[in-house]
Amino acid sequence: MSNSETKKNMFRILITMKLALFLSAGMQAQHIDGSWQGTLKAGTNEIGFVFDIETVDGNLAATMSIPGRNLRNLKAKATTFEDGELFIDGSNYGWEYRGTFNEEKSTFEGKFKEGVNQLPLNLAKAEAGAKTEARVKRPQEPEMPLPYQAEEVVFKNEKAGIQLAGTLTLPAGVENPPVAILITGSGPQNRDQEIFGHKPFLVLSDYLTRNGIAVLRYDDRGVNGSTGDFSGATTADFATDAMAAVNYLKTRDDVNLNQIGLIGHSEGGIVAPLVITEIPRDIAFFVNLAGTGLSGYETSLQQALHSAKGRVPDFEAYETFMRGVLDIASAKEDIEVVREKLAAHYMSSDFFHGSIPEGADKQTILNGLIDVRTNPWTRYFYNYTPADVYRKVKCPVLSLNGTKDTQVFAKPNQEAIREALKKARNKDYTIMEIEGQNHFFQQAETGESSEYSEIEETFSPKTMEIIKNWILERTAKG
């Protein structure tokens, strides 16, 4: 064979190999297109996940849904599938999924990571029309037909350049009713604030609307019908979303524009004061549901110490360690300096090394911890003291906390709010600790988060009645 023929043959082989690789890559992308489902087990809870993967312009794109929480189509930042390894980068929402394709089982075997938590999650191809997850019956959830008007609405946050989608419920037979805007707690939430198999905002809005109070509730930015990026947003950014909701209501002619109020749960309870101080003349009342008065630093420390009770041998040393973490993470220094100091602090601590499971990747866990402590939301939260803002709040305030709340402890936070409102010379405020209720205002045994999904009650009727009566007493005169 001549030298020129050899070169031609080699050229043909190379072309064939490249074509084969191209076709193989195309087939890889094609055969994972579709809906993939799996169930993540966290303690006694089981959470169903659905990842919808498709090829768009030659690249993979994925969305994640959690049917049991009515979170749907959260578009991942990037998706790749190379050498049998699937990576779905949902860092725009604070999560990621990595899985290895098992050819024999036609499944992905991998892990779902959110913050520092990483749990096994295997995915199987879903059949068309397959049911994703059975929901537990919640007796307080309203059934159709509703005895009031429920309107799907969309409004813009001009400052952020995003669009928010929600539901406005209007009571029957009430002309220009007072209206409450519901503001969700931390983490990406839909308009019902669906969590642990419950829909507390759906239940609360239904109750209030049946009793003569209009309610606007909306999906968080980047969730379901709302646009925007959730992961880079801070509490201050969420306040602009709530202000956009107020501005939207001011365009309506079927609610009382002099009786627009805010009801915020957990983080929503610290978003609301920022709104009130920005547009005080537009807000007629404020209901704080388990929102903090103390700083994010103190709140995070209390939560960490509560979780550590009975689990660490030297509690005082652990408190010193955690204060060190929070001191570094909250410092107003360059972010790279903060990350370096955090890494050194963790690596020098027996608490960190002792918490690493055998065989786990220590560096990956360390990086995850540092990411959680230094993201924009966390850094803002550590340095935000809601009581400082309450000192400027003049509108009527109802502040409620459950005595068994293990996320926002009632006494220190309510006391901080009370003292702040006194300094504001607020003439109308009510501070209440409701006996036996947890962070979500369910009657509880221990108040720990492990109970939330097990309790049939979504929202205490007693507490909803307190909220309803308090609002109506302040809006009855029109």
Protein backbone atom coordinates (compact mmCIF):
# COMPACT_ATOMS: atom_id res chain seq x y z
CA MET A 1 0.00 0.00 0.00
CA SER A 2 1.38 3.40 -0.99
CA ASN A 3 2.06 6.15 1.50
CA SER A 4 -0.72 8.30 0.01
CA GLU A 5 -3.27 5.42 0.29
CA THR A 6 -2.27 4.86 3.91
CA LYS A 7 -2.88 8.52 4.68
CA LYS A 8 -6.29 8.36 2.95
CA ASN A 9 -7.28 5.30 4.96
CA MET A 10 -6.19 6.92 8.24
CA PHE A 11 -8.14 10.05 7.31
CA ARG A 12 -11.26 7.93 6.68
CA ILE A 13 -10.78 6.18 10.05
CA LEU A 14 -10.43 9.50 11.87
CA ILE A 15 -13.56 10.87 10.19
CA THR A 16 -15.45 7.70 11.08
CA MET A 17 -14.29 7.92 14.74
CA LYS A 18 -15.28 11.58 14.99
CA LEU A 19 -18.67 10.82 13.47
CA ALA A 20 -19.13 7.92 15.89
CA LEU A 21 -18.23 10.15 18.84
CA PHE A 22 -20.62 12.82 17.59
CA LEU A 23 -23.44 10.32 17.15
CA SER A 24 -22.66 8.75 20.53
CA ALA A 25 -22.82 12.15 22.25
CA GLY A 26 -26.07 12.91 20.44
CA MET A 27 -27.54 9.56 21.47
CA GLN A 28 -26.43 10.11 25.07
CA ALA A 29 -28.18 13.44 25.17
CA GLN A 30 -31.24 12.03 23.41
CA HIS A 31 -31.72 8.95 25.54
CA ILE A 32 -31.87 10.94 28.78
CA ASP A 33 -34.41 13.41 27.39
CA GLY A 34 -37.65 13.05 29.31
CA SER A 35 -38.95 13.01 32.86
CA TRP A 36 -36.89 11.38 35.63
CA GLN A 37 -38.35 10.71 39.08
CA GLY A 38 -37.02 9.73 42.46
CA THR A 39 -37.78 9.85 46.16
CA LEU A 40 -35.45 11.39 48.69
CA LYS A 41 -35.67 10.11 52.25
CA ALA A 42 -34.87 12.59 55.03
CA GLY A 43 -35.50 10.95 58.40
CA THR A 44 -39.15 9.87 58.38
CA ASN A 45 -40.01 12.22 55.51
CA GLU A 46 -40.13 11.17 51.87
CA ILE A 47 -39.93 13.86 49.21
CA GLY A 48 -40.67 13.15 45.56
CA PHE A 49 -38.51 14.86 42.91
CA VAL A 50 -39.07 15.16 39.18
CA PHE A 51 -36.36 16.31 36.76
CA ASP A 52 -37.51 17.13 33.23
CA ILE A 53 -34.57 17.02 30.80
CA GLU A 54 -34.63 18.10 27.15
CA THR A 55 -32.17 18.96 24.41
CA VAL A 56 -32.41 22.59 23.28
CA ASP A 57 -30.21 23.75 20.39
CA GLY A 58 -27.86 20.84 20.99
CA ASN A 59 -27.48 21.49 24.74
CA LEU A 60 -29.20 19.84 27.67
CA ALA A 61 -31.59 21.83 29.84
CA ALA A 62 -33.33 20.63 33.00
CA THR A 63 -36.06 21.77 35.36
CA MET A 64 -36.79 20.41 38.82
CA SER A 65 -40.21 19.96 40.39
CA ILE A 66 -41.27 18.82 43.87
CA PRO A 67 -44.94 17.87 43.41
CA GLY A 68 -45.61 17.43 47.13
CA ARG A 69 -44.65 21.08 47.70
CA ASN A 70 -46.21 22.32 44.48
CA LEU A 71 -42.82 23.60 43.36
CA ARG A 72 -42.58 23.10 39.63
CA ASN A 73 -40.27 23.81 36.73
CA LEU A 74 -37.37 25.39 38.63
CA LYS A 75 -34.98 25.87 35.72
CA ALA A 76 -31.46 24.73 36.47
CA LYS A 77 -28.52 26.98 35.65
CA ALA A 78 -26.77 24.28 33.57
CA THR A 79 -27.04 20.57 32.75
CA THR A 80 -24.37 18.22 31.40
CA PHE A 81 -24.19 14.49 30.68
CA GLU A 82 -20.71 13.24 29.89
CA ASP A 83 -19.19 9.75 30.20
CA GLY A 84 -22.31 8.53 31.97
CA GLU A 85 -22.19 11.32 34.59
CA LEU A 86 -25.19 13.64 34.92
CA PHE A 87 -24.70 17.02 36.57
CA ILE A 88 -27.67 19.35 37.08
CA ASP A 89 -26.47 22.69 38.42
CA GLY A 90 -29.31 24.30 40.36
CA SER A 91 -27.02 26.70 42.19
CA ASN A 92 -29.37 29.53 41.19
CA TYR A 93 -31.71 27.96 43.78
CA GLY A 94 -29.01 26.60 46.09
CA TRP A 95 -28.99 22.91 45.03
CA GLU A 96 -27.32 20.48 42.64
CA TYR A 97 -27.74 16.87 41.52
CA ARG A 98 -24.95 14.48 40.47
CA GLY A 99 -25.70 10.97 39.27
CA THR A 100 -24.05 8.08 37.44
CA PHE A 101 -26.05 6.27 34.78
CA ASN A 102 -26.53 2.56 35.46
CA GLU A 103 -26.89 0.96 32.01
CA GLU A 104 -28.22 -2.31 33.42
CA LYS A 105 -31.00 -0.68 35.46
CA SER A 106 -31.47 2.39 33.21
CA THR A 107 -31.36 4.59 36.30
CA PHE A 108 -29.25 7.39 37.67
CA GLU A 109 -27.64 6.65 41.03
CA GLY A 110 -26.53 9.82 42.74
CA LYS A 111 -26.97 12.49 45.37
CA PHE A 112 -29.00 15.65 45.77
CA LYS A 113 -27.16 18.44 47.54
CA GLU A 114 -28.75 21.51 49.11
CA GLY A 115 -26.49 23.71 51.19
CA VAL A 116 -24.38 21.40 53.35
CA ASN A 117 -26.94 18.61 53.18
CA GLN A 118 -26.27 15.79 50.73
CA LEU A 119 -28.62 12.81 50.48
CA PRO A 120 -28.92 9.80 48.14
CA LEU A 121 -31.40 10.27 45.31
CA ASN A 122 -31.78 7.73 42.50
CA LEU A 123 -33.78 8.60 39.40
CA ALA A 124 -35.76 6.39 37.04
CA LYS A 125 -37.38 7.32 33.73
CA ALA A 126 -41.04 8.11 34.25
CA GLU A 127 -43.73 6.65 32.09
CA ALA A 128 -45.97 9.12 30.30
CA GLY A 129 -48.84 10.18 32.54
CA ALA A 130 -47.37 8.44 35.58
CA LYS A 131 -48.40 9.74 38.98
CA THR A 132 -45.54 11.46 40.74
CA GLU A 133 -46.58 11.56 44.37
CA ALA A 134 -49.64 10.94 46.49
CA ARG A 135 -50.53 13.82 48.77
CA VAL A 136 -51.68 13.46 52.34
CA LYS A 137 -55.21 14.72 52.85
CA ARG A 138 -55.29 17.97 54.78
CA PRO A 139 -58.82 18.67 56.07
CA GLN A 140 -58.35 22.45 56.31
CA GLU A 141 -57.57 22.88 52.62
CA PRO A 142 -60.53 24.44 50.76
CA GLU A 143 -62.49 22.47 48.20
CA MET A 144 -64.12 23.75 45.05
CA PRO A 145 -66.35 25.57 44.44
CA LEU A 146 -65.06 28.47 46.53
CA PRO A 147 -67.60 30.88 48.05
CA TYR A 148 -65.51 33.85 46.89
CA GLN A 149 -63.65 35.13 43.84
CA ALA A 150 -60.09 33.85 43.23
CA GLU A 151 -58.22 35.73 40.49
CA GLU A 152 -54.86 34.82 38.98
CA VAL A 153 -52.78 38.01 38.81
CA VAL A 154 -49.38 39.11 37.53
CA PHE A 155 -47.50 42.24 38.58
CA LYS A 156 -44.05 43.71 38.00
CA ASN A 157 -41.22 44.60 40.30
CA GLU A 158 -39.83 47.39 38.16
CA LYS A 159 -36.77 47.84 40.35
CA ALA A 160 -35.68 44.21 39.94
CA GLY A 161 -36.95 43.84 36.40
CA ILE A 162 -38.99 40.75 37.24
CA GLN A 163 -42.60 39.62 37.11
CA LEU A 164 -44.44 38.06 40.06
CA ALA A 165 -47.44 35.75 39.76
CA GLY A 166 -50.04 35.27 42.44
CA THR A 167 -53.66 34.83 43.49
CA LEU A 168 -55.95 37.57 44.75
CA THR A 169 -58.99 36.33 46.67
CA LEU A 170 -61.93 38.71 47.12
CA PRO A 171 -64.72 38.06 49.66
CA ALA A 172 -68.27 37.79 48.35
CA GLY A 173 -70.69 40.57 49.18
CA VAL A 174 -68.07 42.94 50.61
CA GLU A 175 -67.48 46.20 48.76
CA ASN A 176 -63.87 47.44 48.87
CA PRO A 177 -62.68 45.07 51.62
CA PRO A 178 -59.44 45.45 53.55
CA VAL A 179 -56.65 43.45 51.92
CA ALA A 180 -53.66 41.58 53.33
CA ILE A 181 -50.50 40.67 51.42
CA LEU A 182 -48.94 37.37 52.55
CA ILE A 183 -45.11 37.26 52.59
CA THR A 184 -43.44 33.85 52.72
CA GLY A 185 -40.65 32.55 54.93
CA SER A 186 -37.10 31.61 53.94
CA GLY A 187 -36.25 29.40 50.98
CA PRO A 188 -37.97 29.31 47.58
CA GLN A 189 -41.71 29.16 48.32
CA ASN A 190 -44.81 29.08 46.17
CA ARG A 191 -47.82 31.27 46.90
CA ASP A 192 -49.30 28.67 49.27
CA GLN A 193 -45.99 28.51 51.20
CA GLU A 194 -46.25 24.76 50.65
CA ILE A 195 -43.95 22.84 52.94
CA PHE A 196 -43.94 19.48 54.77
CA GLY A 197 -47.15 18.48 52.97
CA HIS A 198 -49.02 21.56 54.23
CA LYS A 199 -50.25 24.73 52.51
CA PRO A 200 -50.45 27.25 55.38
CA PHE A 201 -50.91 30.33 53.17
CA LEU A 202 -53.72 28.67 51.21
CA VAL A 203 -55.50 27.78 54.46
CA LEU A 204 -54.96 31.25 55.97
CA SER A 205 -56.03 33.12 52.84
CA ASP A 206 -59.16 30.96 52.55
CA TYR A 207 -60.10 31.63 56.17
CA LEU A 208 -59.53 35.39 55.98
CA THR A 209 -61.36 35.75 52.66
CA ARG A 210 -64.39 33.85 53.97
CA ASN A 211 -64.41 36.37 56.81
CA GLY A 212 -64.39 39.56 54.75
CA ILE A 213 -60.65 40.20 54.18
CA ALA A 214 -59.17 40.11 50.68
CA VAL A 215 -55.79 38.39 50.37
CA LEU A 216 -52.97 38.59 47.83
CA ARG A 217 -50.39 35.79 47.93
CA TYR A 218 -47.67 35.28 45.33
CA ASP A 219 -44.88 32.92 44.26
CA ASP A 220 -41.38 33.94 45.33
CA ARG A 221 -39.13 35.29 42.59
CA GLY A 222 -37.93 32.46 40.35
CA VAL A 223 -40.63 30.07 41.62
CA ASN A 224 -43.46 28.69 39.48
CA GLY A 225 -45.09 31.65 37.69
CA SER A 226 -42.66 34.29 38.97
CA THR A 227 -39.49 35.24 37.12
CA GLY A 228 -36.11 36.29 38.52
CA ASP A 229 -33.19 34.65 40.31
CA PHE A 230 -33.93 33.52 43.86
CA SER A 231 -30.44 32.41 44.85
CA GLY A 232 -28.73 35.82 44.70
CA ALA A 233 -31.52 37.70 46.48
CA THR A 234 -31.43 39.02 50.05
CA THR A 235 -34.18 39.92 52.51
CA ALA A 236 -33.93 43.51 51.24
CA ASP A 237 -34.58 42.28 47.69
CA PHE A 238 -37.65 40.36 48.83
CA ALA A 239 -38.89 43.60 50.40
CA THR A 240 -38.96 45.15 46.91
CA ASP A 241 -41.13 42.24 45.75
CA ALA A 242 -43.60 42.95 48.57
CA MET A 243 -43.57 46.65 47.67
CA ALA A 244 -44.41 45.67 44.10
CA ALA A 245 -47.43 43.78 45.48
CA VAL A 246 -48.54 46.93 47.34
CA ASN A 247 -48.14 49.01 44.19
CA TYR A 248 -50.18 46.48 42.25
CA LEU A 249 -53.05 46.62 44.74
CA LYS A 250 -53.08 50.41 44.46
CA THR A 251 -54.11 49.98 40.80
CA ARG A 252 -57.24 48.06 41.79
CA ASP A 253 -60.67 49.58 42.39
CA ASP A 254 -62.15 46.60 44.25
CA VAL A 255 -60.14 46.75 47.51
CA ASN A 256 -59.81 49.48 50.14
CA LEU A 257 -56.60 51.33 49.29
CA ASN A 258 -56.48 52.80 52.79
CA GLN A 259 -56.52 49.34 54.37
CA ILE A 260 -53.64 47.47 52.77
CA GLY A 261 -51.79 45.35 55.32
CA LEU A 262 -48.90 42.87 55.46
CA ILE A 263 -48.83 39.40 57.01
CA GLY A 264 -45.33 37.92 57.07
CA HIS A 265 -44.31 34.49 58.30
CA SER A 266 -40.76 33.79 59.57
CA GLU A 267 -38.48 35.65 57.13
CA GLY A 268 -41.61 37.34 55.80
CA GLY A 269 -41.96 38.83 59.27
CA ILE A 270 -38.63 40.64 58.85
CA VAL A 271 -39.29 41.59 55.22
CA ALA A 272 -42.44 43.49 56.21
CA PRO A 273 -40.82 46.11 58.51
CA LEU A 274 -38.47 47.06 55.67
CA VAL A 275 -41.51 47.65 53.45
CA ILE A 276 -43.33 49.64 56.11
CA THR A 277 -40.43 52.01 56.75
CA GLU A 278 -40.02 52.55 52.99
CA ILE A 279 -43.70 53.28 52.25
CA PRO A 280 -45.29 53.98 55.68
CA ARG A 281 -48.36 55.78 54.32
CA ASP A 282 -49.37 52.79 52.21
CA ILE A 283 -49.45 50.20 55.02
CA ALA A 284 -52.41 50.16 57.41
CA PHE A 285 -51.50 47.14 59.57
CA PHE A 286 -48.88 44.43 60.02
CA VAL A 287 -49.19 40.87 61.38
CA ASN A 288 -45.86 39.27 62.28
CA LEU A 289 -46.04 35.47 62.38
CA ALA A 290 -42.92 34.04 64.06
CA GLY A 291 -40.62 36.67 62.61
CA THR A 292 -37.50 37.57 64.57
CA GLY A 293 -36.68 40.66 66.58
CA LEU A 294 -33.12 39.62 67.28
CA SER A 295 -30.33 39.82 64.71
CA GLY A 296 -29.72 37.03 62.24
CA TYR A 297 -26.44 36.40 64.06
CA GLU A 298 -28.21 35.74 67.36
CA THR A 299 -30.99 33.77 65.69
CA SER A 300 -28.50 31.50 63.92
CA LEU A 301 -26.54 30.99 67.15
CA GLN A 302 -29.68 30.09 69.12
CA GLN A 303 -30.76 27.61 66.45
CA ALA A 304 -27.31 25.99 66.35
CA LEU A 305 -27.13 25.67 70.13
CA HIS A 306 -30.63 24.23 70.31
CA SER A 307 -29.71 21.58 67.73
CA ALA A 308 -26.49 20.74 69.61
CA LYS A 309 -28.09 20.16 73.02
CA GLY A 310 -27.45 16.61 74.14
CA ARG A 311 -25.34 15.88 71.06
CA VAL A 312 -21.99 17.54 71.82
CA PRO A 313 -19.88 16.57 74.85
CA ASP A 314 -18.56 20.06 75.58
CA PHE A 315 -21.42 22.49 75.05
CA GLU A 316 -19.50 25.61 76.11
CA ALA A 317 -16.67 24.81 73.71
CA TYR A 318 -19.19 24.28 70.93
CA GLU A 319 -20.76 27.68 71.63
CA THR A 320 -17.31 29.28 71.40
CA PHE A 321 -16.70 27.47 68.12
CA MET A 322 -20.05 28.61 66.65
CA ARG A 323 -19.53 32.20 67.74
CA GLY A 324 -16.21 32.05 65.90
CA VAL A 325 -17.97 30.82 62.76
CA LEU A 326 -20.56 33.60 62.94
CA ASP A 327 -18.04 36.31 63.81
CA ILE A 328 -16.01 35.47 60.72
CA ALA A 329 -18.98 34.93 58.38
CA SER A 330 -20.71 38.18 59.38
CA ALA A 331 -17.58 40.36 59.22
CA LYS A 332 -17.71 43.17 56.70
CA GLU A 333 -14.57 42.07 54.91
CA ASP A 334 -13.75 40.99 51.37
CA ILE A 335 -15.58 37.74 50.66
CA GLU A 336 -12.41 35.84 49.74
CA VAL A 337 -10.80 36.88 53.03
CA VAL A 338 -13.88 35.67 54.88
CA ARG A 339 -13.83 32.33 53.05
CA GLU A 340 -10.16 31.80 53.88
CA LYS A 341 -10.70 32.61 57.56
CA LEU A 342 -13.70 30.29 57.73
CA ALA A 343 -11.72 27.45 56.16
CA ALA A 344 -8.95 27.89 58.73
CA HIS A 345 -11.47 28.08 61.60
CA TYR A 346 -13.24 24.87 60.56
CA MET A 347 -10.02 22.98 59.87
CA SER A 348 -8.65 23.86 63.31
CA SER A 349 -11.73 22.55 65.11
CA ASP A 350 -12.39 19.05 66.42
CA PHE A 351 -16.11 19.78 66.05
CA PHE A 352 -15.72 19.99 62.28
CA HIS A 353 -13.49 16.93 61.92
CA GLY A 354 -15.65 14.89 64.29
CA SER A 355 -18.79 15.62 62.25
CA ILE A 356 -17.43 14.15 59.00
CA PRO A 357 -18.85 10.68 58.24
CA GLU A 358 -16.31 7.97 57.50
CA GLY A 359 -15.35 7.92 53.84
CA ALA A 360 -16.88 11.34 53.13
CA ASP A 361 -15.02 13.96 51.11
CA LYS A 362 -13.92 16.43 53.78
CA GLN A 363 -13.00 19.17 51.31
CA THR A 364 -16.40 18.98 49.59
CA ILE A 365 -18.19 19.26 52.94
CA LEU A 366 -15.96 22.18 53.96
CA ASN A 367 -16.64 23.99 50.68
CA GLY A 368 -20.38 23.45 51.16
CA LEU A 369 -20.31 24.88 54.68
CA ILE A 370 -18.38 27.93 53.52
CA ASP A 371 -20.75 28.48 50.57
CA VAL A 372 -23.75 28.44 52.89
CA ARG A 373 -22.12 30.86 55.36
CA THR A 374 -21.02 33.34 52.71
CA ASN A 375 -23.86 33.57 50.19
CA PRO A 376 -25.51 37.03 49.80
CA TRP A 377 -28.68 36.11 51.69
CA THR A 378 -26.83 34.71 54.71
CA ARG A 379 -24.37 37.59 54.98
CA TYR A 380 -27.25 40.09 54.89
CA PHE A 381 -29.26 38.07 57.41
CA TYR A 382 -26.42 37.87 59.96
CA ASN A 383 -26.11 41.66 59.98
CA TYR A 384 -29.82 42.51 59.95
CA THR A 385 -31.46 43.30 63.30
CA PRO A 386 -35.23 43.62 62.77
CA ALA A 387 -35.74 45.38 66.12
CA ASP A 388 -33.76 48.33 64.75
CA VAL A 389 -36.31 48.68 61.95
CA TYR A 390 -39.31 48.15 64.25
CA ARG A 391 -38.27 51.37 65.99
CA LYS A 392 -39.60 53.22 62.95
CA VAL A 393 -42.88 51.28 62.61
CA LYS A 394 -45.94 53.37 63.52
CA CYS A 395 -48.80 51.32 62.04
CA PRO A 396 -50.75 48.80 64.18
CA VAL A 397 -48.74 45.61 64.81
CA LEU A 398 -49.83 42.14 65.90
CA SER A 399 -46.83 39.94 66.71
CA LEU A 400 -47.47 36.23 67.33
CA ASN A 401 -45.17 33.38 68.32
CA GLY A 402 -45.78 29.82 69.47
CA THR A 403 -44.30 28.86 72.82
CA LYS A 404 -42.99 25.64 71.23
CA ASP A 405 -41.33 27.36 68.27
CA THR A 406 -37.83 25.87 68.01
CA GLN A 407 -36.76 28.00 65.05
CA VAL A 408 -37.65 31.48 66.31
CA PHE A 409 -37.73 31.35 70.09
CA ALA A 410 -40.69 33.28 71.39
CA LYS A 411 -39.54 35.10 74.53
CA PRO A 412 -36.29 36.78 73.40
CA ASN A 413 -37.66 37.74 70.00
CA GLN A 414 -41.01 39.03 71.24
CA GLU A 415 -39.29 41.02 73.96
CA ALA A 416 -36.97 42.64 71.41
CA ILE A 417 -39.98 43.57 69.24
CA ARG A 418 -41.90 44.92 72.25
CA GLU A 419 -39.04 47.17 73.34
CA ALA A 420 -38.52 48.42 69.79
CA LEU A 421 -42.19 49.34 69.37
CA LYS A 422 -42.10 51.17 72.69
CA LYS A 423 -39.15 53.22 71.42
CA ALA A 424 -41.11 53.88 68.23
CA ARG A 425 -43.93 55.24 70.43
CA ASN A 426 -46.25 52.97 68.51
CA LYS A 427 -49.73 53.45 69.94
CA ASP A 428 -51.26 50.17 68.79
CA TYR A 429 -49.35 46.92 69.14
CA THR A 430 -50.21 43.50 70.51
CA ILE A 431 -47.56 40.92 71.44
CA MET A 432 -48.75 37.36 72.04
CA GLU A 433 -47.12 34.01 72.78
CA ILE A 434 -49.56 31.23 71.93
CA GLU A 435 -49.30 28.24 74.19
CA GLY A 436 -48.29 24.89 72.68
CA GLN A 437 -47.85 26.02 69.06
CA ASN A 438 -44.83 25.53 66.83
CA HIS A 439 -43.16 27.66 64.13
CA PHE A 440 -46.06 27.04 61.73
CA PHE A 441 -48.77 27.65 64.36
CA GLN A 442 -49.77 24.03 64.68
CA GLN A 443 -50.61 22.57 68.09
CA ALA A 444 -47.49 20.50 68.74
CA GLU A 445 -45.92 18.06 71.19
CA THR A 446 -42.27 19.11 70.95
CA GLY A 447 -42.23 21.87 68.35
CA GLU A 448 -39.37 20.20 66.47
CA SER A 449 -39.41 20.31 62.66
CA SER A 450 -39.68 16.50 62.51
CA GLU A 451 -43.30 16.85 63.68
CA TYR A 452 -44.52 19.29 61.02
CA SER A 453 -45.57 16.76 58.41
CA GLU A 454 -47.01 14.35 60.98
CA ILE A 455 -49.51 16.87 62.38
CA GLU A 456 -52.85 16.85 60.55
CA GLU A 457 -53.61 20.46 61.42
CA THR A 458 -52.13 22.97 58.95
CA PHE A 459 -52.86 26.21 60.81
CA SER A 460 -54.46 26.56 64.23
CA PRO A 461 -58.07 27.82 63.90
CA LYS A 462 -57.57 29.60 67.23
CA THR A 463 -54.64 31.58 65.83
CA MET A 464 -56.40 32.37 62.56
CA GLU A 465 -59.34 33.73 64.55
CA ILE A 466 -56.98 35.97 66.54
CA ILE A 467 -55.55 37.34 63.28
CA LYS A 468 -58.97 37.85 61.71
CA ASN A 469 -60.49 39.60 64.72
CA TRP A 470 -57.47 41.86 65.16
CA ILE A 471 -57.55 42.99 61.52
CA LEU A 472 -61.31 43.56 61.43
CA GLU A 473 -61.19 45.59 64.65
CA ARG A 474 -58.73 47.97 62.99
CA THR A 475 -60.47 48.20 59.62
CA ALA A 476 -64.15 48.20 60.66
CA LYS A 477 -64.45 51.97 60.40
CA GLY A 478 -63.35 51.87 56.77
